Amino acid sequence: MMADDRREQLGSGDLITLVSDVGPVPMNVGAILFVAGEGDVDAATVEATFTRRLTSIRRLQQRLATPRWGPGRPYWVDDSDVDVRAHVSRVRCPSPGDRDAALAIAVDAVTRPLPRSRPLWRAVVVTGLIDDHTGLVLVLHHVVADGIGGLAVLARLVDGADATGPAADNENPPSAAPPRGRFVDGVCERCRTLRRVPRRIARIRGGWAELGRGRGGWAPRCSLNAATGPRRRVVTVDVGLDGVRAAGRRAGATVNDVLLVAVTGALAELLRERMEFPQELVVSVPVSARSSATSGHLGNQVGVMPVRVPLVGSFQDRLTTVSGVTRVQKMRTRGTSSALIGPLFRILAALRLFRWFVDRQRLVNSFLTNLPGPPGQVVIAGAPITCITPITVTTGNVGVAFAALSYAGTLTVTIIVDPDVVPEVRELAAALHEQFRAAIE
């Protein structure tokens, strides 16, 4: 039982997420799935299947608990009083019922805090969309899952994934240890932490390289970095995945490299309109320390890789430069930067300085998350999912961020802004369209 309880404690990446949740918007992540209303499948059937499969995932039946006394990390405990009605709601989309209107509902769901007294998720079923579509919004607190973990949850929702059968991660669930056991386990965890110190010191060098430190100093000052408030707005840009891949191959670059050059090129256009002319921008990219996950092993195993992206020259020239930079930074062990930023963030949080720090940081100008979704179209309750749109939020002084997800041959890029810092979100989307056109031509 003791070993099982240790497996249920939060990992170091999860602790970073918890201490980071101090801003005007919660550290939630989400996505909206657009489901086509075809054949004999109706919205009620899709909703029932969606809800049943969500509640079969064990992590979504658990809540966070904190040791009442003694050392020890927060841990997951089964919640026997899960009320689906408290987690799943239905909303009718206002006219005109298009994608933008549905996205506004999804953003509202993502930016509302999740009560810590319950499992940390919510779902919203959006009806009244054009073309008989139904929107399925899923929101998770970031401590539940990182991007790869979120994809594992998605895999459990679609048909053909044995989602309706007994959940493998639900079998033989570990029980929480009694208070005395948690105290002893907390002391043991402190001892294990001390034993890991030499190994963590060895990882610092790799983490320093992944962070790209020593190459350029602070991020450039620009108006994109201003303290953000509680409002968020999103727009999306779609582009063919094959074209982006081909553009990357011509320069020996990855899809993520193409995205970095495209989003910074769009930001440069916005800044030029504001009469600002930085020579480069720094974009933080999450780096997963794992290649896969299951819905029974979620959490956060991720580092960060700030990339300095030049704004001068042709798209091809900038892409060649960026691919060289990221190739060097990724040569070290992936995700090792968490060995540096984790202790720093926890110290700042303990001193109640984390909010002050993120509102004034000069490390990055923006964030970019890129996830590989299903390569082919998937279905739920027999109805095809036509589009999957990721939604992430940032806090601190980052006024615009990007989240990309590939699905069935299309790369969807979500632009997330604080409209009080970046009101020109439509102009930014148009500029991103132009950047992709320049890359693919």
Protein backbone atom coordinates (compact mmCIF):
# COMPACT_ATOMS: atom_id res chain seq x y z
CA MET A 1 0.00 0.00 0.00
CA MET A 2 2.83 2.38 0.78
CA ALA A 3 4.37 1.93 -2.66
CA ASP A 4 1.02 2.46 -4.33
CA ASP A 5 0.48 5.70 -2.41
CA ARG A 6 3.88 6.97 -3.53
CA ARG A 7 2.84 6.41 -7.12
CA GLU A 8 -0.18 8.59 -6.46
CA GLN A 9 1.85 11.52 -5.10
CA LEU A 10 2.46 14.50 -7.34
CA GLY A 11 5.67 14.46 -9.32
CA SER A 12 8.11 17.36 -9.49
CA GLY A 13 6.55 18.62 -12.73
CA ASP A 14 3.12 18.59 -11.13
CA LEU A 15 4.42 20.64 -8.20
CA ILE A 16 5.76 23.25 -10.64
CA THR A 17 2.28 23.47 -12.14
CA LEU A 18 0.64 23.94 -8.75
CA VAL A 19 2.96 26.73 -7.62
CA SER A 20 2.50 28.42 -11.03
CA ASP A 21 -1.27 28.65 -10.54
CA VAL A 22 -1.29 32.15 -9.08
CA GLY A 23 -2.49 34.40 -11.88
CA PRO A 24 -5.84 35.94 -12.82
CA VAL A 25 -6.62 32.90 -15.00
CA PRO A 26 -6.29 29.33 -13.71
CA MET A 27 -3.69 26.86 -15.00
CA ASN A 28 -6.21 24.93 -17.05
CA VAL A 29 -5.83 23.35 -20.47
CA GLY A 30 -8.59 22.33 -22.80
CA ALA A 31 -9.81 21.46 -26.24
CA ILE A 32 -13.02 21.58 -28.20
CA LEU A 33 -13.97 18.70 -30.47
CA PHE A 34 -16.37 19.50 -33.32
CA VAL A 35 -18.51 16.43 -34.02
CA ALA A 36 -20.53 16.13 -37.23
CA GLY A 37 -24.21 15.35 -36.92
CA GLU A 38 -24.49 12.64 -39.55
CA GLY A 39 -26.74 9.62 -40.00
CA ASP A 40 -28.79 8.40 -37.09
CA VAL A 41 -26.45 9.71 -34.39
CA ASP A 42 -27.90 12.63 -32.42
CA ALA A 43 -26.36 15.04 -29.93
CA ALA A 44 -27.84 13.18 -26.95
CA THR A 45 -26.09 9.95 -27.96
CA VAL A 46 -22.78 11.75 -28.45
CA GLU A 47 -23.17 13.48 -25.07
CA ALA A 48 -23.97 10.24 -23.26
CA THR A 49 -20.99 8.44 -24.80
CA PHE A 50 -18.67 11.37 -24.08
CA THR A 51 -19.75 11.52 -20.44
CA ARG A 52 -19.56 7.77 -19.87
CA ARG A 53 -16.05 7.53 -21.26
CA LEU A 54 -14.82 10.53 -19.31
CA THR A 55 -16.03 9.08 -16.04
CA SER A 56 -14.30 5.76 -16.80
CA ILE A 57 -10.86 7.42 -16.54
CA ARG A 58 -9.58 6.92 -13.04
CA ARG A 59 -7.69 10.22 -12.71
CA LEU A 60 -10.97 12.03 -13.43
CA GLN A 61 -12.49 10.25 -10.43
CA GLN A 62 -9.82 11.56 -8.06
CA ARG A 63 -9.23 14.81 -6.22
CA LEU A 64 -6.11 16.36 -4.74
CA ALA A 65 -5.42 15.95 -1.04
CA THR A 66 -2.73 17.57 1.09
CA PRO A 67 -1.06 15.92 4.12
CA ARG A 68 -2.51 17.47 7.27
CA TRP A 69 0.73 17.21 9.20
CA GLY A 70 4.34 16.38 8.59
CA PRO A 71 6.26 16.49 5.30
CA GLY A 72 4.91 15.06 2.09
CA ARG A 73 3.62 16.10 -1.28
CA PRO A 74 -0.03 16.49 -2.24
CA TYR A 75 -1.46 13.21 -3.47
CA TRP A 76 -4.40 11.88 -5.45
CA VAL A 77 -7.23 10.21 -3.58
CA ASP A 78 -10.31 8.48 -4.98
CA ASP A 79 -13.44 10.61 -4.69
CA SER A 80 -16.39 8.37 -3.88
CA ASP A 81 -18.85 11.26 -4.21
CA VAL A 82 -18.22 12.19 -7.85
CA ASP A 83 -21.33 13.93 -9.20
CA VAL A 84 -21.28 13.97 -12.98
CA ARG A 85 -23.81 16.81 -13.02
CA ALA A 86 -21.25 19.02 -11.27
CA HIS A 87 -18.75 18.39 -14.05
CA VAL A 88 -20.76 18.13 -17.28
CA SER A 89 -23.08 20.86 -18.56
CA ARG A 90 -24.90 21.63 -21.79
CA VAL A 91 -24.88 25.05 -23.46
CA ARG A 92 -26.73 26.15 -26.57
CA CYS A 93 -24.47 28.23 -28.78
CA PRO A 94 -25.76 31.74 -29.51
CA SER A 95 -26.33 32.86 -33.10
CA PRO A 96 -24.74 32.45 -35.59
CA GLY A 97 -23.58 29.15 -34.06
CA ASP A 98 -20.27 29.21 -35.93
CA ARG A 99 -16.78 28.19 -34.90
CA ASP A 100 -15.95 31.55 -33.33
CA ALA A 101 -19.08 31.44 -31.16
CA ALA A 102 -18.26 27.91 -30.02
CA LEU A 103 -14.67 28.92 -29.26
CA ALA A 104 -15.93 31.73 -27.03
CA ILE A 105 -17.86 29.16 -24.98
CA ALA A 106 -14.77 26.96 -24.77
CA VAL A 107 -12.59 29.86 -23.62
CA ASP A 108 -15.09 30.67 -20.87
CA ALA A 109 -14.95 27.04 -19.70
CA VAL A 110 -11.14 27.00 -19.70
CA THR A 111 -10.70 30.31 -17.86
CA ARG A 112 -13.05 29.49 -14.97
CA PRO A 113 -11.32 27.97 -11.92
CA LEU A 114 -11.93 24.31 -11.10
CA PRO A 115 -12.88 23.70 -7.43
CA ARG A 116 -10.05 21.92 -5.60
CA SER A 117 -12.61 20.02 -3.52
CA ARG A 118 -13.64 17.97 -6.58
CA PRO A 119 -11.86 16.13 -9.40
CA LEU A 120 -10.14 18.78 -11.49
CA TRP A 121 -12.04 18.70 -14.76
CA ARG A 122 -15.16 19.91 -16.48
CA ALA A 123 -16.91 19.22 -19.77
CA VAL A 124 -19.35 21.31 -21.77
CA VAL A 125 -21.56 19.99 -24.57
CA VAL A 126 -22.27 22.78 -27.07
CA THR A 127 -25.44 22.42 -29.15
CA GLY A 128 -26.98 24.66 -31.78
CA LEU A 129 -23.92 24.79 -34.04
CA ILE A 130 -24.22 25.24 -37.78
CA ASP A 131 -24.29 22.15 -40.04
CA ASP A 132 -25.77 20.09 -37.18
CA HIS A 133 -22.40 19.90 -35.43
CA THR A 134 -21.99 19.36 -31.68
CA GLY A 135 -19.10 20.82 -29.72
CA LEU A 136 -17.47 18.80 -26.94
CA VAL A 137 -15.33 20.91 -24.63
CA LEU A 138 -12.99 19.21 -22.17
CA VAL A 139 -11.11 21.20 -19.52
CA LEU A 140 -8.42 19.75 -17.25
CA HIS A 141 -6.33 21.45 -14.64
CA HIS A 142 -2.74 21.32 -15.89
CA VAL A 143 -1.76 19.29 -12.82
CA VAL A 144 -3.92 16.44 -14.16
CA ALA A 145 -2.07 16.15 -17.46
CA ASP A 146 0.47 17.79 -19.73
CA GLY A 147 -0.02 17.85 -23.50
CA ILE A 148 0.92 14.21 -24.07
CA GLY A 149 -1.30 13.20 -21.17
CA GLY A 150 -4.17 15.19 -22.66
CA LEU A 151 -3.80 13.21 -25.89
CA ALA A 152 -4.01 10.02 -23.83
CA VAL A 153 -7.33 11.20 -22.42
CA LEU A 154 -8.54 12.00 -25.94
CA ALA A 155 -7.61 8.48 -27.05
CA ARG A 156 -9.95 7.08 -24.40
CA LEU A 157 -12.89 9.11 -25.67
CA VAL A 158 -13.00 7.97 -29.29
CA ASP A 159 -14.45 4.80 -30.75
CA GLY A 160 -12.19 1.80 -31.21
CA ALA A 161 -10.14 2.44 -28.07
CA ASP A 162 -12.03 0.01 -25.82
CA ALA A 163 -13.23 3.12 -24.06
CA THR A 164 -16.53 1.56 -23.00
CA GLY A 165 -15.00 -1.53 -21.41
CA PRO A 166 -13.31 -1.88 -18.04
CA ALA A 167 -10.59 0.72 -17.79
CA ALA A 168 -7.13 -0.79 -17.43
CA ASP A 169 -6.15 2.12 -15.22
CA ASN A 170 -9.23 1.53 -13.08
CA GLU A 171 -8.34 -2.01 -12.10
CA ASN A 172 -7.05 -2.61 -8.58
CA PRO A 173 -6.88 1.07 -7.68
CA PRO A 174 -4.39 1.77 -4.90
CA SER A 175 -5.83 2.91 -1.61
CA ALA A 176 -4.58 5.99 0.17
CA ALA A 177 -2.33 5.23 3.14
CA PRO A 178 -3.51 6.18 6.65
CA PRO A 179 -2.20 9.48 8.08
CA ARG A 180 0.68 7.80 9.93
CA GLY A 181 1.64 5.97 6.73
CA ARG A 182 1.60 9.22 4.77
CA PHE A 183 3.84 10.84 7.37
CA VAL A 184 6.40 8.02 7.17
CA ASP A 185 6.12 8.05 3.40
CA GLY A 186 6.76 11.80 3.38
CA VAL A 187 9.93 11.36 5.45
CA CYS A 188 11.06 8.60 3.07
CA GLU A 189 10.40 10.90 0.13
CA ARG A 190 12.66 13.55 1.67
CA CYS A 191 15.40 10.93 2.07
CA ARG A 192 15.01 9.81 -1.54
CA THR A 193 15.22 13.44 -2.63
CA LEU A 194 18.52 13.85 -0.81
CA ARG A 195 19.88 10.69 -2.43
CA ARG A 196 18.93 12.06 -5.86
CA VAL A 197 20.86 15.32 -5.35
CA PRO A 198 24.07 14.15 -7.12
CA ARG A 199 22.07 12.93 -10.12
CA ARG A 200 20.13 16.18 -10.28
CA ILE A 201 23.31 18.20 -10.17
CA ALA A 202 24.55 16.16 -13.13
CA ARG A 203 21.32 17.02 -14.98
CA ILE A 204 21.77 20.76 -14.44
CA ARG A 205 24.29 21.03 -17.26
CA GLY A 206 21.85 19.44 -19.69
CA GLY A 207 19.04 21.64 -18.37
CA TRP A 208 21.16 24.76 -18.83
CA ALA A 209 21.78 23.78 -22.47
CA GLU A 210 18.07 23.04 -23.05
CA LEU A 211 17.23 26.49 -21.71
CA GLY A 212 19.73 27.91 -24.19
CA ARG A 213 21.34 30.07 -21.53
CA GLY A 214 24.56 31.86 -22.36
CA ARG A 215 23.35 32.66 -25.87
CA GLY A 216 21.82 36.10 -26.01
CA GLY A 217 20.73 37.10 -22.50
CA TRP A 218 17.26 38.53 -21.85
CA ALA A 219 14.35 38.49 -24.27
CA PRO A 220 13.87 41.78 -26.16
CA ARG A 221 11.56 44.32 -24.57
CA CYS A 222 8.30 44.79 -26.47
CA SER A 223 4.66 45.67 -25.87
CA LEU A 224 3.61 42.01 -26.06
CA ASN A 225 4.97 41.60 -22.53
CA ALA A 226 2.60 43.38 -20.17
CA ALA A 227 0.82 42.13 -17.07
CA THR A 228 -2.26 40.20 -18.18
CA GLY A 229 -5.75 40.20 -16.70
CA PRO A 230 -8.59 37.66 -16.48
CA ARG A 231 -9.91 37.97 -20.07
CA ARG A 232 -8.86 35.74 -22.96
CA ARG A 233 -9.84 35.59 -26.63
CA VAL A 234 -8.88 33.02 -29.24
CA VAL A 235 -8.88 32.69 -33.02
CA THR A 236 -7.62 29.80 -35.10
CA VAL A 237 -5.60 29.39 -38.28
CA ASP A 238 -5.70 26.13 -40.27
CA VAL A 239 -2.99 24.98 -42.66
CA GLY A 240 -2.30 21.73 -44.49
CA LEU A 241 0.12 19.56 -42.54
CA ASP A 242 1.79 18.12 -45.65
CA GLY A 243 2.71 21.59 -46.87
CA VAL A 244 4.25 22.51 -43.52
CA ARG A 245 6.21 19.27 -43.44
CA ALA A 246 7.51 19.84 -46.96
CA ALA A 247 8.60 23.37 -46.05
CA GLY A 248 10.51 21.98 -43.10
CA ARG A 249 12.20 19.23 -45.08
CA ARG A 250 13.57 21.74 -47.59
CA ALA A 251 15.51 23.40 -44.76
CA GLY A 252 16.28 20.28 -42.72
CA ALA A 253 13.76 21.53 -40.17
CA THR A 254 10.85 20.12 -38.20
CA VAL A 255 7.19 21.11 -38.15
CA ASN A 256 7.86 22.80 -34.83
CA ASP A 257 10.67 24.85 -36.39
CA VAL A 258 8.31 26.01 -39.15
CA LEU A 259 5.75 26.97 -36.50
CA LEU A 260 8.35 28.97 -34.57
CA VAL A 261 9.31 30.99 -37.62
CA ALA A 262 5.69 31.49 -38.69
CA VAL A 263 4.35 32.70 -35.34
CA THR A 264 7.28 35.03 -34.71
CA GLY A 265 6.98 36.41 -38.24
CA ALA A 266 3.33 37.20 -37.52
CA LEU A 267 4.26 38.81 -34.20
CA ALA A 268 6.92 40.89 -35.97
CA GLU A 269 4.27 42.20 -38.38
CA LEU A 270 2.06 43.19 -35.44
CA LEU A 271 4.96 44.92 -33.70
CA ARG A 272 5.88 46.83 -36.87
CA GLU A 273 2.35 48.22 -36.91
CA ARG A 274 3.03 49.38 -33.36
CA MET A 275 6.29 50.98 -34.53
CA GLU A 276 8.42 48.45 -32.69
CA PHE A 277 11.31 46.75 -34.50
CA PRO A 278 13.03 44.03 -32.45
CA GLN A 279 15.63 41.92 -34.26
CA GLU A 280 14.50 38.69 -32.62
CA LEU A 281 11.92 37.24 -30.24
CA VAL A 282 12.23 34.48 -27.65
CA VAL A 283 9.53 31.79 -27.69
CA SER A 284 9.30 29.12 -24.99
CA VAL A 285 8.55 25.62 -26.26
CA PRO A 286 7.65 22.75 -23.89
CA VAL A 287 9.90 19.70 -24.21
CA SER A 288 8.39 16.41 -23.12
CA ALA A 289 10.56 13.99 -21.15
CA ARG A 290 8.46 11.10 -22.44
CA SER A 291 7.18 9.99 -25.82
CA SER A 292 3.81 8.63 -24.77
CA ALA A 293 1.38 8.31 -21.90
CA THR A 294 -1.70 6.38 -20.90
CA SER A 295 -4.80 7.68 -19.19
CA GLY A 296 -3.60 5.87 -16.06
CA HIS A 297 -0.24 7.68 -15.99
CA LEU A 298 -0.87 11.34 -16.70
CA GLY A 299 0.71 14.23 -14.81
CA ASN A 300 3.51 16.48 -16.07
CA GLN A 301 6.90 15.36 -17.34
CA VAL A 302 8.09 18.35 -19.28
CA GLY A 303 10.86 20.93 -19.49
CA VAL A 304 11.03 24.18 -21.43
CA MET A 305 13.22 25.27 -24.31
CA PRO A 306 13.32 29.02 -24.99
CA VAL A 307 14.26 29.56 -28.65
CA ARG A 308 15.68 32.83 -30.00
CA VAL A 309 14.06 33.37 -33.39
CA PRO A 310 15.46 36.01 -35.78
CA LEU A 311 12.99 38.40 -37.41
CA VAL A 312 15.29 39.63 -40.19
CA GLY A 313 15.62 37.85 -43.53
CA SER A 314 13.46 35.61 -45.68
CA PHE A 315 11.31 32.85 -44.20
CA GLN A 316 13.75 30.26 -45.53
CA ASP A 317 16.77 32.02 -44.03
CA ARG A 318 15.10 32.31 -40.64
CA LEU A 319 13.98 28.67 -40.77
CA THR A 320 17.52 27.47 -41.50
CA THR A 321 18.82 29.44 -38.52
CA VAL A 322 16.11 28.20 -36.17
CA SER A 323 16.52 24.54 -37.15
CA GLY A 324 20.22 24.80 -36.31
CA VAL A 325 19.50 26.37 -32.93
CA THR A 326 16.85 23.85 -31.89
CA ARG A 327 18.94 20.91 -33.08
CA VAL A 328 21.73 21.91 -30.71
CA GLN A 329 19.41 22.59 -27.77
CA LYS A 330 17.67 19.22 -28.18
CA MET A 331 20.91 17.22 -28.18
CA ARG A 332 20.80 17.02 -24.38
CA THR A 333 18.41 14.81 -22.40
CA ARG A 334 14.90 15.99 -23.12
CA GLY A 335 13.06 17.76 -20.31
CA THR A 336 16.15 18.31 -18.14
CA SER A 337 15.43 22.02 -17.76
CA SER A 338 12.84 21.12 -15.11
CA ALA A 339 15.80 20.37 -12.80
CA LEU A 340 16.56 24.11 -12.90
CA ILE A 341 13.19 25.81 -13.10
CA GLY A 342 11.43 23.51 -10.61
CA PRO A 343 13.42 24.48 -7.50
CA LEU A 344 13.46 28.16 -8.57
CA PHE A 345 9.68 28.30 -8.99
CA ARG A 346 9.05 26.52 -5.70
CA ILE A 347 11.35 28.91 -3.82
CA LEU A 348 9.60 31.92 -5.36
CA ALA A 349 6.23 30.44 -4.46
CA ALA A 350 7.32 29.79 -0.87
CA LEU A 351 8.42 33.43 -0.59
CA ARG A 352 5.13 34.55 -2.22
CA LEU A 353 7.12 36.16 -5.03
CA PHE A 354 6.10 33.97 -7.96
CA ARG A 355 3.28 36.27 -9.14
CA TRP A 356 5.63 39.27 -8.89
CA PHE A 357 8.24 37.34 -10.90
CA VAL A 358 5.97 36.22 -13.78
CA ASP A 359 4.43 39.68 -14.09
CA ARG A 360 7.92 41.13 -14.67
CA GLN A 361 9.91 38.29 -16.28
CA ARG A 362 12.17 39.01 -19.24
CA LEU A 363 12.96 35.44 -20.21
CA VAL A 364 10.43 34.90 -23.02
CA ASN A 365 8.14 36.94 -25.27
CA SER A 366 5.62 34.19 -26.07
CA PHE A 367 4.81 30.48 -25.77
CA LEU A 368 4.24 27.82 -28.42
CA THR A 369 2.81 24.36 -27.72
CA ASN A 370 2.71 21.84 -30.57
CA LEU A 371 1.07 18.41 -30.26
CA PRO A 372 0.71 15.59 -32.79
CA GLY A 373 -2.91 14.53 -32.80
CA PRO A 374 -4.49 11.51 -34.54
CA PRO A 375 -3.22 11.20 -38.14
CA GLY A 376 -6.60 10.07 -39.43
CA GLN A 377 -10.17 11.06 -38.68
CA VAL A 378 -11.60 9.51 -35.51
CA VAL A 379 -15.21 9.11 -34.42
CA ILE A 380 -17.17 9.18 -31.18
CA ALA A 381 -20.47 7.31 -30.86
CA GLY A 382 -20.24 6.66 -34.59
CA ALA A 383 -20.09 10.37 -35.45
CA PRO A 384 -16.91 11.77 -37.09
CA ILE A 385 -14.86 14.40 -35.28
CA THR A 386 -14.18 17.02 -37.96
CA CYS A 387 -11.85 19.31 -36.02
CA ILE A 388 -9.92 19.40 -32.72
CA THR A 389 -8.93 22.82 -31.42
CA PRO A 390 -6.50 23.10 -28.47
CA ILE A 391 -6.88 25.92 -25.93
CA THR A 392 -4.19 26.85 -23.43
CA VAL A 393 -3.84 29.90 -21.20
CA THR A 394 -0.84 31.83 -19.96
CA THR A 395 -0.40 34.08 -17.01
CA GLY A 396 2.16 36.67 -16.06
CA ASN A 397 3.21 39.24 -18.65
CA VAL A 398 2.82 37.16 -21.82
CA GLY A 399 0.02 38.76 -23.83
CA VAL A 400 -0.13 36.25 -26.68
CA ALA A 401 0.58 32.52 -26.94
CA PHE A 402 0.06 29.80 -29.52
CA ALA A 403 -1.14 26.19 -29.34
CA ALA A 404 -0.95 23.91 -32.39
CA LEU A 405 -2.40 20.45 -32.92
CA SER A 406 -2.30 18.31 -36.03
CA TYR A 407 -5.35 16.19 -36.85
CA ALA A 408 -6.27 14.25 -39.97
CA GLY A 409 -3.87 16.17 -42.21
CA THR A 410 -4.67 19.64 -40.87
CA LEU A 411 -2.55 21.72 -38.51
CA THR A 412 -4.77 23.95 -36.37
CA VAL A 413 -3.00 26.84 -34.64
CA THR A 414 -4.90 28.56 -31.84
CA ILE A 415 -3.87 32.13 -31.03
CA ILE A 416 -4.65 32.96 -27.39
CA VAL A 417 -4.47 36.61 -26.34
CA ASP A 418 -5.37 38.91 -23.52
CA PRO A 419 -7.48 41.34 -25.58
CA ASP A 420 -6.44 44.22 -23.35
CA VAL A 421 -2.78 43.62 -24.27
CA VAL A 422 -3.24 42.38 -27.86
CA PRO A 423 -6.56 43.60 -29.26
CA GLU A 424 -5.34 43.04 -32.85
CA VAL A 425 -6.02 39.30 -32.75
CA ARG A 426 -7.71 39.23 -36.20
CA GLU A 427 -4.79 41.08 -37.76
CA LEU A 428 -2.42 38.64 -36.07
CA ALA A 429 -4.32 35.68 -37.55
CA ALA A 430 -4.15 37.23 -41.03
CA ALA A 431 -0.40 37.76 -40.61
CA LEU A 432 0.04 34.12 -39.57
CA HIS A 433 -1.86 33.02 -42.70
CA GLU A 434 0.64 35.03 -44.78
CA GLN A 435 3.58 33.48 -42.97
CA PHE A 436 2.37 29.97 -43.76
CA ARG A 437 1.78 30.97 -47.38
CA ALA A 438 5.37 32.23 -47.60
CA ALA A 439 6.65 28.98 -46.06
CA ILE A 440 4.76 26.67 -48.39
CA GLU A 441 5.31 28.53 -51.67
